[in-house]
Protein backbone atom coordinates (compact mmCIF):
# COMPACT_ATOMS: atom_id res chain seq x y z
CA MET A 1 112.10 89.72 122.06
CA GLY A 2 110.14 87.05 123.88
CA THR A 3 108.65 83.99 122.24
CA LYS A 4 105.10 85.36 122.47
CA LYS A 5 106.06 88.60 120.72
CA LEU A 6 108.05 86.73 118.06
CA VAL A 7 105.10 84.46 117.30
CA PHE A 8 102.68 87.37 117.34
CA VAL A 9 104.81 89.50 114.98
CA SER A 10 105.26 86.48 112.71
CA ILE A 11 101.52 85.88 112.56
CA LEU A 12 100.80 89.53 111.76
CA THR A 13 103.53 89.52 109.08
CA ALA A 14 101.97 86.44 107.48
CA LEU A 15 98.54 88.06 107.73
CA SER A 16 99.88 91.13 105.92
CA ILE A 17 101.03 88.95 103.02
CA ILE A 18 97.75 87.02 102.93
CA LEU A 19 95.69 90.23 102.92
CA SER A 20 97.84 91.75 100.16
CA ILE A 21 97.57 88.66 97.96
CA THR A 22 93.86 88.00 98.45
CA ILE A 23 92.26 91.46 98.74
CA TYR A 24 93.18 94.06 96.15
CA PHE A 25 91.28 96.31 93.79
CA PRO A 26 91.66 99.64 91.95
CA ILE A 27 90.37 102.74 93.69
CA LEU A 28 91.02 105.43 91.08
CA PRO A 29 89.41 105.02 87.64
CA GLN A 30 92.19 107.05 86.01
CA ALA A 31 94.81 104.62 87.40
CA PRO A 32 93.39 101.07 87.45
CA TYR A 33 96.95 99.71 87.79
CA LEU A 34 97.25 101.20 91.31
CA LEU A 35 95.61 98.70 93.62
CA TYR A 36 94.40 99.12 97.18
CA ASP A 37 95.22 96.28 99.57
CA PRO A 38 94.81 96.08 103.36
CA GLY A 39 98.26 94.55 103.94
CA ASP A 40 99.53 97.59 105.86
CA ILE A 41 97.01 97.11 108.68
CA PRO A 42 98.95 94.30 110.44
CA LEU A 43 102.19 96.23 109.88
CA ILE A 44 100.76 99.33 111.56
CA LEU A 45 99.63 97.13 114.45
CA ILE A 46 103.16 95.75 114.81
CA SER A 47 104.75 99.20 114.70
CA THR A 48 102.37 100.93 117.11
CA GLN A 49 101.81 98.07 119.53
CA VAL A 50 105.01 96.00 119.52
CA GLY A 51 107.67 98.40 118.28
CA ILE A 52 108.98 100.28 115.29
CA PRO A 53 112.03 98.02 114.70
CA HIS A 54 109.71 95.01 114.57
CA GLY A 55 107.45 96.88 112.15
CA ILE A 56 110.36 97.78 109.88
CA LEU A 57 111.61 94.19 109.77
CA ALA A 58 108.09 92.88 109.09
CA THR A 59 107.64 95.47 106.33
CA LEU A 60 110.92 94.45 104.70
CA ILE A 61 109.94 90.77 104.80
CA VAL A 62 106.50 91.52 103.34
CA ALA A 63 107.90 93.73 100.55
CA ILE A 64 110.43 91.10 99.49
CA LEU A 65 108.02 88.16 99.71
CA MET A 66 105.30 90.03 97.80
CA ALA A 67 107.73 90.68 94.94
CA VAL A 68 108.85 87.04 94.97
CA LEU A 69 105.38 85.50 95.36
CA THR A 70 103.54 87.70 92.87
CA GLY A 71 106.35 88.42 90.44
CA GLN A 72 105.06 91.98 90.21
CA GLY A 73 107.40 94.91 90.33
CA GLY A 74 110.66 93.05 90.82
CA PRO A 75 113.31 94.78 92.94
CA ILE A 76 111.93 98.26 92.22
CA GLY A 77 108.43 97.14 93.19
CA ALA A 78 109.79 95.68 96.44
CA LEU A 79 111.64 98.93 97.13
CA MET A 80 108.53 101.03 96.43
CA HIS A 81 106.43 98.76 98.65
CA PHE A 82 109.00 99.05 101.44
CA LEU A 83 109.16 102.84 101.09
CA ALA A 84 105.37 103.25 101.10
CA SER A 85 104.53 100.86 103.92
CA GLY A 86 107.71 101.69 105.82
CA THR A 87 106.94 105.40 105.84
CA LEU A 88 103.40 104.79 107.05
CA ILE A 89 104.38 102.43 109.84
CA VAL A 90 107.48 104.32 111.03
CA VAL A 91 105.77 107.72 111.23
CA SER A 92 102.58 106.27 112.76
CA GLY A 93 104.55 104.20 115.25
CA TYR A 94 106.91 107.03 116.19
CA VAL A 95 104.20 109.64 116.72
CA TYR A 96 102.03 107.19 118.65
CA THR A 97 104.96 106.13 120.86
CA LYS A 98 105.87 109.75 121.65
CA THR A 99 102.37 111.21 122.06
CA LYS A 100 100.04 108.24 122.71
CA ASN A 101 97.78 109.94 120.16
CA LEU A 102 96.90 107.23 117.65
CA ILE A 103 94.80 109.50 115.43
CA LEU A 104 97.65 112.00 115.09
CA GLY A 105 100.13 109.20 114.38
CA LEU A 106 97.96 107.63 111.71
CA ALA A 107 97.16 111.00 110.11
CA LEU A 108 100.82 112.04 109.95
CA GLY A 109 101.78 108.57 108.70
CA THR A 110 99.20 108.84 105.92
CA ILE A 111 100.38 112.28 104.83
CA SER A 112 104.04 111.22 105.02
CA MET A 113 103.39 108.16 102.86
CA ALA A 114 101.76 110.31 100.17
CA ILE A 115 104.69 112.74 100.14
CA VAL A 116 107.38 110.04 100.10
CA MET A 117 105.62 108.13 97.34
CA ALA A 118 105.27 111.26 95.19
CA VAL A 119 109.05 111.69 95.36
CA ALA A 120 109.73 107.94 94.98
CA ASN A 121 107.54 107.78 91.88
CA ILE A 122 109.42 110.67 90.30
CA ILE A 123 112.71 108.88 90.97
CA PHE A 124 111.92 105.19 90.39
CA THR A 125 108.93 104.93 88.04
CA PRO A 126 110.87 106.22 85.00
CA ILE A 127 113.53 103.56 85.67
CA TYR A 128 110.93 100.82 86.16
CA LEU A 129 108.83 101.72 83.12
CA GLY A 130 111.67 103.00 80.96
CA VAL A 131 109.91 106.30 80.31
CA PRO A 132 111.11 109.90 80.54
CA ARG A 133 110.70 111.50 83.97
CA ASN A 134 108.52 114.27 82.50
CA THR A 135 105.79 111.67 81.81
CA ILE A 136 105.48 111.09 85.58
CA TYR A 137 105.09 114.72 86.70
CA PRO A 138 101.53 115.10 85.38
CA LEU A 139 100.47 112.06 87.44
CA ILE A 140 101.69 113.28 90.83
CA PHE A 141 98.76 115.47 91.95
CA PRO A 142 95.79 113.81 90.22
CA VAL A 143 96.90 110.17 90.72
CA ILE A 144 99.90 109.37 92.94
CA ILE A 145 99.12 111.61 95.92
CA PRO A 146 95.35 110.86 96.03
CA PHE A 147 95.95 107.12 95.67
CA ASN A 148 98.40 107.03 98.57
CA LEU A 149 96.21 109.25 100.75
CA ILE A 150 93.20 107.02 100.11
CA LYS A 151 95.08 103.73 100.58
CA ALA A 152 96.86 104.81 103.75
CA GLY A 153 93.73 106.56 104.99
CA ILE A 154 91.56 103.46 104.65
CA ASN A 155 94.18 101.29 106.33
CA SER A 156 94.62 103.83 109.12
CA ILE A 157 90.87 104.05 109.76
CA ILE A 158 90.56 100.25 109.90
CA THR A 159 93.57 100.06 112.23
CA TYR A 160 92.05 102.73 114.49
CA ILE A 161 88.76 100.83 114.64
CA LEU A 162 90.56 97.57 115.46
CA LEU A 163 92.58 99.20 118.23
CA SER A 164 89.45 100.87 119.59
CA ILE A 165 87.89 97.50 120.23
CA SER A 166 88.70 96.94 123.88
CA LEU A 167 89.51 93.22 123.60
CA ILE A 168 92.18 93.82 120.97
CA ARG A 169 93.71 96.73 122.88
CA THR A 170 93.79 94.65 126.06
CA TYR A 171 95.53 91.82 124.22
CA PHE A 172 98.20 94.18 122.86
CA GLU A 173 98.73 95.65 126.32
CA LYS A 174 99.31 92.13 127.68
CA MET A 175 101.77 91.46 124.84
CA LYS A 176 103.82 94.52 125.84
CA GLY A 177 104.19 93.32 129.42
């Protein structure tokens, strides 16, 4: 990776952390503990415009640093963050790379994130909260899946708008070359 790409990926990774720490709010009244944040937007940009391996590494760094900096979630929180964001950016980046269809990539990434997080919550939330697994099942369809669809959907729409702005797209195209 060239110096320009390294600096660019580093800046977007830092921006992801800054956005996650400074902008967050609940989006579902029945689950005020689930917070939207726009931190995935820079990660999607890295994955779709620079490369999936760069996006995965940036996502790992962000997940670990968010757990360390905020003290929220600990190792399980970092893992859940990595699984959620990682699914979104890998699927979006892969589909976009193969088809050049950003809308399809973002849509499939959003759906994939919701599915993966439904399964991850069934597996890891009982461990994290120390509750029986059967207390999580009733939350999957009314809370977990809608939250992840909304969060990933908002971030995907914002990413699409950003990439539709010709100046930003031109800059990314120059970065690839």
